[in-house]
Amino acid sequence: MLSAIFSKVLAAAGALAPRRALARVTEYQSIVPDLASAFDGYTIVVLSDFHHRHPFSELRWLRHAVDVANAVAPDVIALLGDYASSFKEAPTISRRWYSEALPAMASELSRLSARDGVIAVLGNHDYYADADAVQTWLRGIGAHLLVNSATGVARCGSLLRIVGLDDMKKGRVDPLAGCSLTNQPPTLLLCHEPDGIRQLDARLRVDVMLAGHTHGGQIVFPWYGAPVTMSQTCGRRSAHGWIPNPRAPLLVTRGLGEQLPMPIRIGSPPEVLVLRLRSAR
């Protein structure tokens, strides 16, 4: 009975939510000291926190995000998790929502195009719903899923390592993310949650870590910042962008969507993040 009432309340919130705004493009650069000249300008487009609410949310926002990502002509596109809406306390509802939302998104996300492909990780909401189904869906749209594992990109005899860390709330985080500690090349690490940086082995090379999860605070007030960031690493005035921390350069995107029961953004517009790696030479 309570589950049915909860479902109706959330459905009403989704139906009454304003039309999702189109994402803004934010560009960053990061200097990697020994990055080979072949990788100078290597471009990563980051899409995160989709939280699609099918059938209450149309797909104009997603179509726009895909078009923007492709227009950058990136080397790689990173998907950082939370592909639909779910709730830890309502697994049955969450699975149903995901089973409807993921197929609706597939045709748009299948259009993503990058020289070195699309790489994805899982978020906490993907686990709340059905992580196995999300993994199958990601592979179906052509994404390479990294869960505590790494892939390499080779250019002119040099290597760039791209690592995916499992979700720290519901997954199983490997502090080494499945990586070798010998002959460590320049490394880009993907993780849904910024706090994943706290779980990393100090010996693991990480030149840049990319994360989402915070929605940039989702609701941000002038002068005060974000009352809620869902992260210990991100503060109310540092809910997105470059996040100060002692471990490694950490770049957090505001992401694209909003999570129920507060399907609104104030002072934190949706974002397509573009990162370009630069060689110190």
Protein backbone atom coordinates (compact mmCIF):
# COMPACT_ATOMS: atom_id res chain seq x y z
CA MET A 1 0.00 0.00 0.00
CA LEU A 2 2.73 2.47 1.01
CA SER A 3 4.74 1.50 -2.07
CA ALA A 4 1.76 2.27 -4.31
CA ILE A 5 1.22 5.66 -2.66
CA PHE A 6 4.95 6.44 -2.93
CA SER A 7 4.90 5.54 -6.62
CA LYS A 8 1.93 7.82 -7.29
CA VAL A 9 3.53 10.74 -5.45
CA LEU A 10 6.77 10.39 -7.40
CA ALA A 11 4.92 9.98 -10.68
CA ALA A 12 3.00 13.17 -9.97
CA ALA A 13 6.26 14.99 -9.22
CA GLY A 14 7.71 13.79 -12.50
CA ALA A 15 4.63 14.76 -14.47
CA LEU A 16 4.52 18.26 -12.98
CA ALA A 17 8.24 18.93 -13.42
CA PRO A 18 9.14 21.80 -15.76
CA ARG A 19 10.57 21.01 -19.17
CA ARG A 20 14.24 20.13 -18.80
CA ALA A 21 16.60 22.92 -19.87
CA LEU A 22 19.17 22.38 -22.60
CA ALA A 23 22.70 21.79 -21.39
CA ARG A 24 25.44 24.38 -21.49
CA VAL A 25 28.97 23.54 -22.64
CA THR A 26 31.77 24.07 -20.13
CA GLU A 27 35.38 23.66 -21.28
CA TYR A 28 38.45 22.88 -19.19
CA GLN A 29 42.09 22.07 -19.80
CA SER A 30 44.52 20.03 -17.74
CA ILE A 31 48.29 19.86 -18.14
CA VAL A 32 49.74 16.36 -17.79
CA PRO A 33 53.51 16.65 -17.22
CA ASP A 34 54.77 13.74 -19.35
CA LEU A 35 51.85 13.48 -21.78
CA ALA A 36 53.17 12.57 -25.21
CA SER A 37 52.80 15.19 -27.92
CA ALA A 38 50.55 12.75 -29.79
CA PHE A 39 47.98 13.23 -27.02
CA ASP A 40 48.30 17.01 -26.76
CA GLY A 41 44.73 18.33 -27.10
CA TYR A 42 43.17 14.93 -26.41
CA THR A 43 39.50 15.77 -25.91
CA ILE A 44 37.06 14.09 -23.54
CA VAL A 45 33.34 14.92 -23.50
CA VAL A 46 31.59 14.04 -20.23
CA LEU A 47 27.87 13.26 -19.92
CA SER A 48 26.54 12.31 -16.50
CA ASP A 49 23.49 12.03 -14.26
CA PHE A 50 20.86 11.70 -16.99
CA HIS A 51 18.06 10.69 -14.58
CA HIS A 52 15.62 10.29 -17.46
CA ARG A 53 12.00 10.19 -16.27
CA HIS A 54 10.17 8.31 -19.00
CA PRO A 55 7.39 9.00 -19.99
CA PHE A 56 7.19 12.32 -18.12
CA SER A 57 10.34 13.81 -19.66
CA GLU A 58 10.67 14.27 -23.40
CA LEU A 59 14.00 13.67 -25.15
CA ARG A 60 14.77 17.08 -26.63
CA TRP A 61 17.37 17.70 -23.90
CA LEU A 62 19.11 14.39 -24.63
CA ARG A 63 19.08 14.93 -28.39
CA HIS A 64 20.68 18.32 -27.84
CA ALA A 65 23.35 16.87 -25.52
CA VAL A 66 24.26 14.19 -28.05
CA ASP A 67 24.43 16.74 -30.88
CA VAL A 68 26.67 19.00 -28.79
CA ALA A 69 28.94 16.11 -27.80
CA ASN A 70 29.37 14.97 -31.40
CA ALA A 71 29.98 18.53 -32.62
CA VAL A 72 33.06 18.75 -30.40
CA ALA A 73 34.57 15.87 -32.43
CA PRO A 74 35.95 14.31 -29.24
CA ASP A 75 38.55 11.61 -28.89
CA VAL A 76 36.43 9.85 -26.29
CA ILE A 77 33.02 10.32 -24.67
CA ALA A 78 32.65 9.40 -20.99
CA LEU A 79 29.27 8.44 -19.50
CA LEU A 80 29.41 8.70 -15.71
CA GLY A 81 26.27 6.89 -14.59
CA ASP A 82 22.78 7.45 -13.14
CA TYR A 83 21.02 6.92 -16.45
CA ALA A 84 17.44 7.02 -15.12
CA SER A 85 15.57 7.79 -11.90
CA SER A 86 15.42 5.33 -9.02
CA PHE A 87 15.14 5.11 -5.25
CA LYS A 88 17.06 2.86 -2.90
CA GLU A 89 13.92 2.34 -0.79
CA ALA A 90 11.75 1.35 -3.77
CA PRO A 91 13.52 -1.33 -5.85
CA THR A 92 10.38 -2.58 -7.61
CA ILE A 93 9.41 0.89 -8.79
CA SER A 94 13.02 1.64 -9.69
CA ARG A 95 13.34 -1.43 -11.88
CA ARG A 96 10.13 -0.53 -13.71
CA TRP A 97 11.24 3.04 -14.30
CA TYR A 98 14.62 1.89 -15.61
CA SER A 99 13.00 -0.73 -17.86
CA GLU A 100 11.01 2.08 -19.50
CA ALA A 101 13.63 4.82 -19.53
CA LEU A 102 16.64 2.97 -20.91
CA PRO A 103 15.03 1.79 -24.19
CA ALA A 104 13.62 5.29 -24.72
CA MET A 105 17.14 6.77 -24.51
CA ALA A 106 18.88 4.15 -26.63
CA SER A 107 18.30 5.61 -30.10
CA GLU A 108 19.76 8.99 -29.09
CA LEU A 109 22.75 7.69 -27.14
CA SER A 110 23.57 5.23 -29.93
CA ARG A 111 24.37 8.28 -32.08
CA LEU A 112 27.32 9.27 -29.88
CA SER A 113 30.50 9.29 -31.93
CA ALA A 114 34.12 9.64 -30.81
CA ARG A 115 37.46 8.61 -32.29
CA ASP A 116 38.23 6.22 -29.43
CA GLY A 117 34.64 5.34 -28.62
CA VAL A 118 32.26 5.75 -25.69
CA ILE A 119 33.36 4.64 -22.21
CA ALA A 120 30.94 4.26 -19.30
CA VAL A 121 30.80 3.62 -15.57
CA LEU A 122 27.89 2.84 -13.23
CA GLY A 123 26.29 5.16 -10.67
CA ASN A 124 24.48 4.49 -7.42
CA HIS A 125 21.00 4.83 -9.00
CA ASP A 126 21.92 2.20 -11.58
CA TYR A 127 22.56 -0.18 -8.71
CA TYR A 128 19.34 0.82 -6.93
CA ALA A 129 17.43 -0.29 -10.04
CA ASP A 130 19.23 -3.14 -11.83
CA ALA A 131 22.98 -2.89 -12.47
CA ASP A 132 23.01 -6.03 -14.63
CA ALA A 133 20.32 -4.62 -16.93
CA VAL A 134 22.18 -1.31 -17.16
CA GLN A 135 25.39 -3.08 -18.13
CA THR A 136 23.60 -4.97 -20.90
CA TRP A 137 21.97 -1.75 -22.11
CA LEU A 138 25.28 0.14 -22.15
CA ARG A 139 26.88 -2.51 -24.29
CA GLY A 140 23.83 -2.40 -26.56
CA ILE A 141 24.32 1.32 -27.26
CA GLY A 142 28.00 0.72 -28.07
CA ALA A 143 29.59 1.83 -24.80
CA HIS A 144 32.65 0.15 -23.30
CA LEU A 145 31.87 -0.41 -19.61
CA LEU A 146 34.72 -0.12 -17.12
CA VAL A 147 34.12 -1.52 -13.64
CA ASN A 148 37.41 -1.54 -11.70
CA SER A 149 39.18 -2.00 -14.99
CA ALA A 150 41.19 -0.05 -17.52
CA THR A 151 41.62 0.37 -21.24
CA GLY A 152 44.49 1.91 -23.16
CA VAL A 153 44.64 4.32 -26.08
CA ALA A 154 47.80 4.14 -28.19
CA ARG A 155 49.16 6.98 -30.32
CA CYS A 156 52.55 6.98 -32.04
CA GLY A 157 53.97 4.45 -29.61
CA SER A 158 52.68 6.25 -26.50
CA LEU A 159 49.84 5.20 -24.22
CA LEU A 160 47.03 6.93 -22.35
CA ARG A 161 45.33 4.80 -19.69
CA ILE A 162 41.59 5.28 -19.03
CA VAL A 163 40.34 3.69 -15.81
CA GLY A 164 36.80 3.12 -14.54
CA LEU A 165 36.11 2.82 -10.80
CA ASP A 166 33.03 1.03 -9.50
CA ASP A 167 30.36 2.98 -7.60
CA MET A 168 31.46 3.50 -4.01
CA LYS A 169 27.96 3.36 -2.47
CA LYS A 170 26.62 0.14 -3.96
CA GLY A 171 29.48 -1.32 -5.95
CA ARG A 172 32.78 -2.82 -4.86
CA VAL A 173 35.60 -0.30 -5.09
CA ASP A 174 39.05 -1.67 -5.88
CA PRO A 175 41.59 0.91 -4.63
CA LEU A 176 43.79 0.02 -7.61
CA ALA A 177 40.81 -0.07 -10.00
CA GLY A 178 42.20 -3.25 -11.53
CA CYS A 179 45.37 -1.49 -12.65
CA SER A 180 49.00 -2.52 -12.62
CA LEU A 181 51.44 -0.40 -10.63
CA THR A 182 54.33 -1.04 -13.01
CA ASN A 183 55.09 1.24 -15.95
CA GLN A 184 52.15 3.53 -15.22
CA PRO A 185 51.31 5.78 -18.18
CA PRO A 186 49.34 9.05 -17.97
CA THR A 187 46.00 8.07 -16.44
CA LEU A 188 42.47 9.42 -16.69
CA LEU A 189 40.12 7.96 -14.07
CA LEU A 190 36.31 7.88 -14.33
CA CYS A 191 34.06 7.47 -11.30
CA HIS A 192 30.46 8.43 -10.69
CA GLU A 193 31.03 9.85 -7.22
CA PRO A 194 33.71 12.40 -6.32
CA ASP A 195 34.27 10.63 -3.00
CA GLY A 196 35.72 7.73 -4.94
CA ILE A 197 38.97 9.69 -4.90
CA ARG A 198 39.22 8.95 -1.17
CA GLN A 199 39.28 5.21 -1.85
CA LEU A 200 42.23 5.18 -4.25
CA ASP A 201 45.52 3.54 -3.41
CA ALA A 202 48.19 6.22 -3.05
CA ARG A 203 50.44 4.29 -5.43
CA LEU A 204 47.98 4.47 -8.33
CA ARG A 205 48.84 7.19 -10.82
CA VAL A 206 45.88 9.50 -11.50
CA ASP A 207 46.45 12.62 -13.61
CA VAL A 208 42.77 13.63 -13.75
CA MET A 209 39.68 12.10 -12.16
CA LEU A 210 36.29 12.86 -13.69
CA ALA A 211 33.12 12.51 -11.62
CA GLY A 212 29.46 13.57 -11.43
CA HIS A 213 26.83 12.72 -8.81
CA THR A 214 26.53 16.17 -7.18
CA HIS A 215 24.40 17.77 -9.94
CA GLY A 216 26.49 20.83 -9.10
CA GLY A 217 24.35 21.02 -5.97
CA GLN A 218 21.18 21.07 -8.18
CA ILE A 219 19.80 23.92 -6.06
CA VAL A 220 22.40 26.63 -5.49
CA PHE A 221 21.80 29.94 -3.77
CA PRO A 222 23.75 33.16 -4.41
CA TRP A 223 26.51 33.83 -1.85
CA TYR A 224 25.66 30.68 0.10
CA GLY A 225 26.15 27.91 -2.45
CA ALA A 226 24.63 24.43 -2.42
CA PRO A 227 22.91 23.21 0.76
CA VAL A 228 23.28 19.61 -0.45
CA THR A 229 26.16 18.15 -2.49
CA MET A 230 25.83 14.43 -1.61
CA SER A 231 29.61 14.38 -1.25
CA GLN A 232 32.19 14.74 1.50
CA THR A 233 34.78 15.93 -0.99
CA CYS A 234 32.61 18.67 -2.52
CA GLY A 235 31.56 21.60 -0.36
CA ARG A 236 28.64 23.98 -0.75
CA ARG A 237 30.87 26.36 -2.73
CA SER A 238 32.69 23.60 -4.59
CA ALA A 239 29.96 21.32 -5.89
CA HIS A 240 31.32 21.24 -9.46
CA GLY A 241 34.38 22.18 -11.50
CA TRP A 242 37.89 21.65 -10.16
CA ILE A 243 37.56 20.37 -6.59
CA PRO A 244 40.44 21.01 -4.16
CA ASN A 245 41.74 17.82 -2.57
CA PRO A 246 45.12 16.33 -1.62
CA ARG A 247 44.99 13.23 -3.86
CA ALA A 248 44.70 14.19 -7.54
CA PRO A 249 43.15 16.76 -9.90
CA LEU A 250 39.39 16.18 -9.58
CA LEU A 251 36.91 17.62 -12.09
CA VAL A 252 33.19 17.28 -11.31
CA THR A 253 30.42 17.91 -13.83
CA ARG A 254 27.00 19.32 -13.00
CA GLY A 255 25.48 16.60 -15.19
CA LEU A 256 22.30 16.72 -17.24
CA GLY A 257 19.35 15.78 -15.08
CA GLU A 258 17.58 16.06 -11.76
CA GLN A 259 16.52 13.38 -9.36
CA LEU A 260 13.01 13.11 -7.94
CA PRO A 261 11.35 14.21 -5.70
CA MET A 262 12.96 17.61 -6.53
CA PRO A 263 12.96 17.64 -10.35
CA ILE A 264 14.22 21.22 -10.62
CA ARG A 265 17.52 23.03 -10.94
CA ILE A 266 18.20 26.46 -9.48
CA GLY A 267 21.53 28.15 -10.07
CA SER A 268 23.08 24.96 -11.44
CA PRO A 269 22.19 24.51 -15.13
CA PRO A 270 22.73 21.17 -16.86
CA GLU A 271 26.14 20.73 -18.42
CA VAL A 272 28.07 19.01 -21.18
CA LEU A 273 31.65 19.08 -19.92
CA VAL A 274 34.62 19.16 -22.30
CA LEU A 275 38.14 18.44 -21.03
CA ARG A 276 41.27 18.81 -23.15
CA LEU A 277 44.53 17.27 -21.99
CA ARG A 278 47.66 19.30 -22.65
CA SER A 279 51.29 18.29 -22.73
CA ALA A 280 53.70 20.36 -20.66
CA ARG A 281 55.95 20.41 -23.71
